[in-house]
Amino acid sequence: MDLHPLGVLAVDATRRHVTSALPNAPVVPPRQPRRPGRVRIGAAGTLRRIADRLDTRRPAR
């Protein structure tokens, strides 16, 4: 009986998926949140100033 090549790949992928939940599975540490960089903060400020200039609404009095 010959197995189709995709069948062999499916069996291997299923086996890896099932065994990934074992207690001895490798643990990936969670990523630490990064603080926004200077470029991102500068771009946000620039976009805010452009949006303030383009906004045609007048403040309510």
C-alpha atoms as a PDB file:
ATOM      1  CA  MET A   1       0.000   0.000   0.000  1.00  0.00           C
ATOM      2  CA  ASP A   2       1.491   3.317  -1.083  1.00  0.00           C
ATOM      3  CA  LEU A   3       0.864   6.495   0.871  1.00  0.00           C
ATOM      4  CA  HIS A   4       0.270   9.723  -0.920  1.00  0.00           C
ATOM      5  CA  PRO A   5       3.062  12.272  -0.191  1.00  0.00           C
ATOM      6  CA  LEU A   6       0.539  14.766   1.201  1.00  0.00           C
ATOM      7  CA  GLY A   7      -0.789  12.059   3.503  1.00  0.00           C
ATOM      8  CA  VAL A   8       2.682  11.561   4.938  1.00  0.00           C
ATOM      9  CA  LEU A   9       3.028  15.316   5.501  1.00  0.00           C
ATOM     10  CA  ALA A  10      -0.399  15.457   7.132  1.00  0.00           C
ATOM     11  CA  VAL A  11       0.474  12.641   9.539  1.00  0.00           C
ATOM     12  CA  ASP A  12       3.738  14.362  10.477  1.00  0.00           C
ATOM     13  CA  ALA A  13       2.026  17.737  10.991  1.00  0.00           C
ATOM     14  CA  THR A  14      -0.694  16.126  13.105  1.00  0.00           C
ATOM     15  CA  ARG A  15       1.878  14.332  15.245  1.00  0.00           C
ATOM     16  CA  ARG A  16       3.802  17.593  15.849  1.00  0.00           C
ATOM     17  CA  HIS A  17       0.584  19.410  16.728  1.00  0.00           C
ATOM     18  CA  VAL A  18      -0.564  16.743  19.182  1.00  0.00           C
ATOM     19  CA  THR A  19       2.789  16.443  20.926  1.00  0.00           C
ATOM     20  CA  SER A  20       3.241  20.221  21.245  1.00  0.00           C
ATOM     21  CA  ALA A  21       0.976  20.290  24.300  1.00  0.00           C
ATOM     22  CA  LEU A  22       3.082  17.834  26.290  1.00  0.00           C
ATOM     23  CA  PRO A  23       4.452  18.969  29.652  1.00  0.00           C
ATOM     24  CA  ASN A  24       8.021  18.816  28.341  1.00  0.00           C
ATOM     25  CA  ALA A  25       7.276  21.000  25.305  1.00  0.00           C
ATOM     26  CA  PRO A  26       9.653  23.958  24.859  1.00  0.00           C
ATOM     27  CA  VAL A  27       8.461  27.196  26.420  1.00  0.00           C
ATOM     28  CA  VAL A  28       8.882  30.489  24.605  1.00  0.00           C
ATOM     29  CA  PRO A  29       9.203  33.428  27.005  1.00  0.00           C
ATOM     30  CA  PRO A  30       6.684  36.231  26.466  1.00  0.00           C
ATOM     31  CA  ARG A  31       7.947  39.285  24.607  1.00  0.00           C
ATOM     32  CA  GLN A  32       8.534  42.377  26.682  1.00  0.00           C
ATOM     33  CA  PRO A  33       6.528  45.375  25.494  1.00  0.00           C
ATOM     34  CA  ARG A  34       8.764  47.958  23.888  1.00  0.00           C
ATOM     35  CA  ARG A  35       8.515  51.651  24.558  1.00  0.00           C
ATOM     36  CA  PRO A  36       7.752  53.754  21.505  1.00  0.00           C
ATOM     37  CA  GLY A  37      10.911  55.003  19.861  1.00  0.00           C
ATOM     38  CA  ARG A  38      11.853  58.587  19.108  1.00  0.00           C
ATOM     39  CA  VAL A  39      10.891  58.227  15.446  1.00  0.00           C
ATOM     40  CA  ARG A  40       7.415  56.994  16.307  1.00  0.00           C
ATOM     41  CA  ILE A  41       6.836  59.740  18.866  1.00  0.00           C
ATOM     42  CA  GLY A  42       8.099  62.379  16.411  1.00  0.00           C
ATOM     43  CA  ALA A  43       5.895  61.061  13.616  1.00  0.00           C
ATOM     44  CA  ALA A  44       2.864  61.064  15.923  1.00  0.00           C
ATOM     45  CA  GLY A  45       3.525  64.680  16.891  1.00  0.00           C
ATOM     46  CA  THR A  46       3.948  65.726  13.273  1.00  0.00           C
ATOM     47  CA  LEU A  47       0.738  63.996  12.229  1.00  0.00           C
ATOM     48  CA  ARG A  48      -1.099  65.636  15.127  1.00  0.00           C
ATOM     49  CA  ARG A  49       0.096  69.108  14.078  1.00  0.00           C
ATOM     50  CA  ILE A  50      -0.936  68.452  10.448  1.00  0.00           C
ATOM     51  CA  ALA A  51      -4.355  67.229  11.572  1.00  0.00           C
ATOM     52  CA  ASP A  52      -4.812  70.336  13.736  1.00  0.00           C
ATOM     53  CA  ARG A  53      -4.003  72.572  10.760  1.00  0.00           C
ATOM     54  CA  LEU A  54      -6.316  70.720   8.384  1.00  0.00           C
ATOM     55  CA  ASP A  55      -9.225  70.611  10.817  1.00  0.00           C
ATOM     56  CA  THR A  56     -11.710  73.255   9.629  1.00  0.00           C
ATOM     57  CA  ARG A  57     -14.009  73.070  12.633  1.00  0.00           C
ATOM     58  CA  ARG A  58     -13.791  75.956  15.055  1.00  0.00           C
ATOM     59  CA  PRO A  59     -13.818  75.233  18.786  1.00  0.00           C
ATOM     60  CA  ALA A  60     -17.242  75.653  20.421  1.00  0.00           C
ATOM     61  CA  ARG A  61     -17.544  78.757  22.597  1.00  0.00           C
END
